[in-house]
């Protein structure tokens, strides 16, 4: 994991103490200037895909929270830039926000809202909420 430009955290995927330390160090590292990512990576051949422990693992909630937080920060920066670009170019596009929630079962999930009507750009999320426009009635 690389929480900021000055920190590289390496441990084994089966090292419980190392994973606990990784979460703690990453949480602190992301508070430092120039944060990079709270997403853990795992070497797979020549690739470094994102990694999460199994949902039954004791550190899974902390790793999932770091992942959601990192995606949220990345998408927020991207949304801000896209909104400015669309405004500058006079393009009518709704850029949906990336949000997180904890469901009734305690699972951490990401979601975005897709409103009816405008052209919409959606972030990659676990859930999408569809919003239908309604017209207010006058009495």
C-alpha atoms as a PDB file:
ATOM      1  CA  UNK A   1       0.000   0.000   0.000  1.00  0.00           C
ATOM      2  CA  UNK A   2       1.215   3.516  -0.795  1.00  0.00           C
ATOM      3  CA  UNK A   3      -0.763   5.982   1.349  1.00  0.00           C
ATOM      4  CA  UNK A   4       1.444   8.964   0.447  1.00  0.00           C
ATOM      5  CA  UNK A   5       4.558   9.768  -1.520  1.00  0.00           C
ATOM      6  CA  UNK A   6       6.820   9.126   1.476  1.00  0.00           C
ATOM      7  CA  UNK A   7       5.330   5.812   2.619  1.00  0.00           C
ATOM      8  CA  UNK A   8       5.379   2.289   1.208  1.00  0.00           C
ATOM      9  CA  UNK A   9       3.859  -0.444   3.392  1.00  0.00           C
ATOM     10  CA  UNK A  10       4.636  -4.089   2.594  1.00  0.00           C
ATOM     11  CA  UNK A  11       3.390  -7.180   4.405  1.00  0.00           C
ATOM     12  CA  UNK A  12       2.177 -10.661   3.636  1.00  0.00           C
ATOM     13  CA  UNK A  13      -1.486 -11.348   2.900  1.00  0.00           C
ATOM     14  CA  UNK A  14      -1.474 -13.985   5.671  1.00  0.00           C
ATOM     15  CA  UNK A  15       0.448 -11.909   8.228  1.00  0.00           C
ATOM     16  CA  UNK A  16      -2.253 -10.821  10.718  1.00  0.00           C
ATOM     17  CA  UNK A  17       0.050  -8.521  12.690  1.00  0.00           C
ATOM     18  CA  UNK A  18       1.406  -7.046   9.463  1.00  0.00           C
ATOM     19  CA  UNK A  19      -2.086  -6.382   8.112  1.00  0.00           C
ATOM     20  CA  UNK A  20      -3.110  -4.730  11.374  1.00  0.00           C
ATOM     21  CA  UNK A  21      -0.024  -2.519  11.215  1.00  0.00           C
ATOM     22  CA  UNK A  22      -0.694  -1.775   7.524  1.00  0.00           C
ATOM     23  CA  UNK A  23      -4.173  -0.438   8.294  1.00  0.00           C
ATOM     24  CA  UNK A  24      -2.892   1.745  11.125  1.00  0.00           C
ATOM     25  CA  UNK A  25       0.040   3.099   9.112  1.00  0.00           C
ATOM     26  CA  UNK A  26      -2.172   3.724   6.077  1.00  0.00           C
ATOM     27  CA  UNK A  27      -4.748   5.627   8.118  1.00  0.00           C
ATOM     28  CA  UNK A  28      -2.012   7.900   9.458  1.00  0.00           C
ATOM     29  CA  UNK A  29      -0.246   8.138   6.096  1.00  0.00           C
ATOM     30  CA  UNK A  30      -3.398   9.304   4.327  1.00  0.00           C
ATOM     31  CA  UNK A  31      -3.610  12.254   6.751  1.00  0.00           C
ATOM     32  CA  UNK A  32      -0.201  13.500   5.590  1.00  0.00           C
ATOM     33  CA  UNK A  33       0.336  15.955   2.723  1.00  0.00           C
ATOM     34  CA  UNK A  34      -0.078  14.547  -0.779  1.00  0.00           C
ATOM     35  CA  UNK A  35      -2.056  11.377  -0.042  1.00  0.00           C
ATOM     36  CA  UNK A  36      -2.002   8.761  -2.780  1.00  0.00           C
ATOM     37  CA  UNK A  37      -4.161   5.735  -1.954  1.00  0.00           C
ATOM     38  CA  UNK A  38      -5.511   3.549   0.806  1.00  0.00           C
ATOM     39  CA  UNK A  39      -6.033   0.666  -1.592  1.00  0.00           C
ATOM     40  CA  UNK A  40      -3.953  -2.417  -0.876  1.00  0.00           C
ATOM     41  CA  UNK A  41      -2.286  -4.127  -3.839  1.00  0.00           C
ATOM     42  CA  UNK A  42      -1.099  -7.718  -4.181  1.00  0.00           C
ATOM     43  CA  UNK A  43       1.518  -9.033  -6.575  1.00  0.00           C
ATOM     44  CA  UNK A  44      -0.055 -11.482  -9.043  1.00  0.00           C
ATOM     45  CA  UNK A  45       2.532 -12.567 -11.618  1.00  0.00           C
ATOM     46  CA  UNK A  46       3.680  -9.277 -13.162  1.00  0.00           C
ATOM     47  CA  UNK A  47       0.553  -7.342 -12.134  1.00  0.00           C
ATOM     48  CA  UNK A  48      -0.452  -5.451  -8.976  1.00  0.00           C
ATOM     49  CA  UNK A  49      -4.281  -5.704  -8.797  1.00  0.00           C
ATOM     50  CA  UNK A  50      -6.238  -4.178  -5.894  1.00  0.00           C
ATOM     51  CA  UNK A  51      -6.600  -6.561  -2.960  1.00  0.00           C
ATOM     52  CA  UNK A  52      -8.948  -6.987  -0.022  1.00  0.00           C
ATOM     53  CA  UNK A  53      -8.832  -9.707   2.592  1.00  0.00           C
ATOM     54  CA  UNK A  54     -11.700 -12.180   2.609  1.00  0.00           C
ATOM     55  CA  UNK A  55     -14.873 -10.631   4.136  1.00  0.00           C
ATOM     56  CA  UNK A  56     -14.554 -13.051   7.078  1.00  0.00           C
ATOM     57  CA  UNK A  57     -11.072 -11.691   7.898  1.00  0.00           C
ATOM     58  CA  UNK A  58     -10.878  -9.533  11.061  1.00  0.00           C
ATOM     59  CA  UNK A  59      -9.241  -6.617   9.189  1.00  0.00           C
ATOM     60  CA  UNK A  60     -11.647  -6.698   6.229  1.00  0.00           C
ATOM     61  CA  UNK A  61     -13.828  -3.772   7.440  1.00  0.00           C
ATOM     62  CA  UNK A  62     -10.800  -1.512   7.888  1.00  0.00           C
ATOM     63  CA  UNK A  63      -9.368  -2.383   4.468  1.00  0.00           C
ATOM     64  CA  UNK A  64     -12.787  -1.903   2.855  1.00  0.00           C
ATOM     65  CA  UNK A  65     -13.177   1.491   4.579  1.00  0.00           C
ATOM     66  CA  UNK A  66      -9.763   2.594   3.273  1.00  0.00           C
ATOM     67  CA  UNK A  67     -10.729   1.411  -0.214  1.00  0.00           C
ATOM     68  CA  UNK A  68     -14.049   3.292  -0.195  1.00  0.00           C
ATOM     69  CA  UNK A  69     -12.376   6.412   1.197  1.00  0.00           C
ATOM     70  CA  UNK A  70      -9.727   6.328  -1.542  1.00  0.00           C
ATOM     71  CA  UNK A  71     -12.253   5.805  -4.325  1.00  0.00           C
ATOM     72  CA  UNK A  72     -14.376   8.592  -2.848  1.00  0.00           C
ATOM     73  CA  UNK A  73     -11.477  11.065  -2.855  1.00  0.00           C
ATOM     74  CA  UNK A  74     -10.450  10.115  -6.390  1.00  0.00           C
ATOM     75  CA  UNK A  75     -13.989  10.415  -7.756  1.00  0.00           C
ATOM     76  CA  UNK A  76     -14.563  13.732  -5.923  1.00  0.00           C
ATOM     77  CA  UNK A  77     -11.469  15.222  -7.588  1.00  0.00           C
ATOM     78  CA  UNK A  78     -12.539  13.824 -10.954  1.00  0.00           C
ATOM     79  CA  UNK A  79     -16.098  15.169 -10.529  1.00  0.00           C
ATOM     80  CA  UNK A  80     -14.819  18.653  -9.705  1.00  0.00           C
ATOM     81  CA  UNK A  81     -12.631  18.723 -12.818  1.00  0.00           C
ATOM     82  CA  UNK A  82     -15.372  17.330 -15.070  1.00  0.00           C
ATOM     83  CA  UNK A  83     -17.948  19.807 -13.719  1.00  0.00           C
ATOM     84  CA  UNK A  84     -15.583  22.716 -14.447  1.00  0.00           C
ATOM     85  CA  UNK A  85     -14.817  21.385 -17.923  1.00  0.00           C
ATOM     86  CA  UNK A  86     -18.486  20.870 -18.779  1.00  0.00           C
ATOM     87  CA  UNK A  87     -19.380  24.333 -17.511  1.00  0.00           C
ATOM     88  CA  UNK A  88     -16.555  25.926 -19.497  1.00  0.00           C
ATOM     89  CA  UNK A  89     -17.610  24.093 -22.686  1.00  0.00           C
ATOM     90  CA  UNK A  90     -21.349  24.586 -22.153  1.00  0.00           C
ATOM     91  CA  UNK A  91     -22.005  20.841 -21.977  1.00  0.00           C
ATOM     92  CA  UNK A  92     -25.080  19.756 -20.001  1.00  0.00           C
ATOM     93  CA  UNK A  93     -23.895  16.590 -18.237  1.00  0.00           C
ATOM     94  CA  UNK A  94     -24.615  15.523 -14.670  1.00  0.00           C
ATOM     95  CA  UNK A  95     -21.569  13.961 -12.992  1.00  0.00           C
ATOM     96  CA  UNK A  96     -22.819  11.745 -10.171  1.00  0.00           C
ATOM     97  CA  UNK A  97     -21.082  11.708  -6.802  1.00  0.00           C
ATOM     98  CA  UNK A  98     -19.538   8.598  -5.258  1.00  0.00           C
ATOM     99  CA  UNK A  99     -20.944   7.909  -1.782  1.00  0.00           C
ATOM    100  CA  UNK A 100     -20.662   5.218   0.835  1.00  0.00           C
ATOM    101  CA  UNK A 101     -23.024   3.633   3.323  1.00  0.00           C
ATOM    102  CA  UNK A 102     -23.255   0.804   5.805  1.00  0.00           C
ATOM    103  CA  UNK A 103     -26.255  -1.448   5.225  1.00  0.00           C
ATOM    104  CA  UNK A 104     -28.336  -3.228   7.890  1.00  0.00           C
ATOM    105  CA  UNK A 105     -26.002  -6.230   7.733  1.00  0.00           C
ATOM    106  CA  UNK A 106     -22.980  -4.011   8.487  1.00  0.00           C
ATOM    107  CA  UNK A 107     -21.565  -4.197   4.954  1.00  0.00           C
ATOM    108  CA  UNK A 108     -19.764  -1.134   3.610  1.00  0.00           C
ATOM    109  CA  UNK A 109     -21.070  -0.321   0.136  1.00  0.00           C
ATOM    110  CA  UNK A 110     -20.596   2.432  -2.423  1.00  0.00           C
ATOM    111  CA  UNK A 111     -23.424   4.010  -4.386  1.00  0.00           C
ATOM    112  CA  UNK A 112     -24.255   6.738  -6.885  1.00  0.00           C
ATOM    113  CA  UNK A 113     -27.506   8.451  -7.794  1.00  0.00           C
ATOM    114  CA  UNK A 114     -28.713   8.350 -11.405  1.00  0.00           C
ATOM    115  CA  UNK A 115     -31.406  10.994 -11.933  1.00  0.00           C
ATOM    116  CA  UNK A 116     -34.028  10.717 -14.632  1.00  0.00           C
ATOM    117  CA  UNK A 117     -33.496  13.082 -17.520  1.00  0.00           C
ATOM    118  CA  UNK A 118     -30.010  14.490 -17.906  1.00  0.00           C
ATOM    119  CA  UNK A 119     -27.076  12.739 -19.520  1.00  0.00           C
ATOM    120  CA  UNK A 120     -25.229  11.302 -16.535  1.00  0.00           C
ATOM    121  CA  UNK A 121     -21.695  10.098 -15.869  1.00  0.00           C
ATOM    122  CA  UNK A 122     -21.611   7.471 -13.122  1.00  0.00           C
ATOM    123  CA  UNK A 123     -18.668   6.321 -11.021  1.00  0.00           C
ATOM    124  CA  UNK A 124     -18.167   2.577 -10.641  1.00  0.00           C
ATOM    125  CA  UNK A 125     -20.069   1.627  -7.472  1.00  0.00           C
ATOM    126  CA  UNK A 126     -21.686  -1.326  -5.741  1.00  0.00           C
ATOM    127  CA  UNK A 127     -25.183   0.184  -6.031  1.00  0.00           C
ATOM    128  CA  UNK A 128     -26.999   2.721  -8.211  1.00  0.00           C
ATOM    129  CA  UNK A 129     -30.085   4.585  -6.963  1.00  0.00           C
ATOM    130  CA  UNK A 130     -32.501   5.598  -9.716  1.00  0.00           C
ATOM    131  CA  UNK A 131     -34.287   8.884  -9.051  1.00  0.00           C
ATOM    132  CA  UNK A 132     -37.441   9.745 -10.971  1.00  0.00           C
ATOM    133  CA  UNK A 133     -38.351  13.394 -11.446  1.00  0.00           C
ATOM    134  CA  UNK A 134     -41.741  14.319 -10.051  1.00  0.00           C
ATOM    135  CA  UNK A 135     -43.891  17.342 -10.677  1.00  0.00           C
ATOM    136  CA  UNK A 136     -45.267  19.179  -7.663  1.00  0.00           C
ATOM    137  CA  UNK A 137     -49.055  19.402  -7.590  1.00  0.00           C
ATOM    138  CA  UNK A 138     -50.800  22.674  -6.914  1.00  0.00           C
ATOM    139  CA  UNK A 139     -53.995  22.674  -4.915  1.00  0.00           C
END
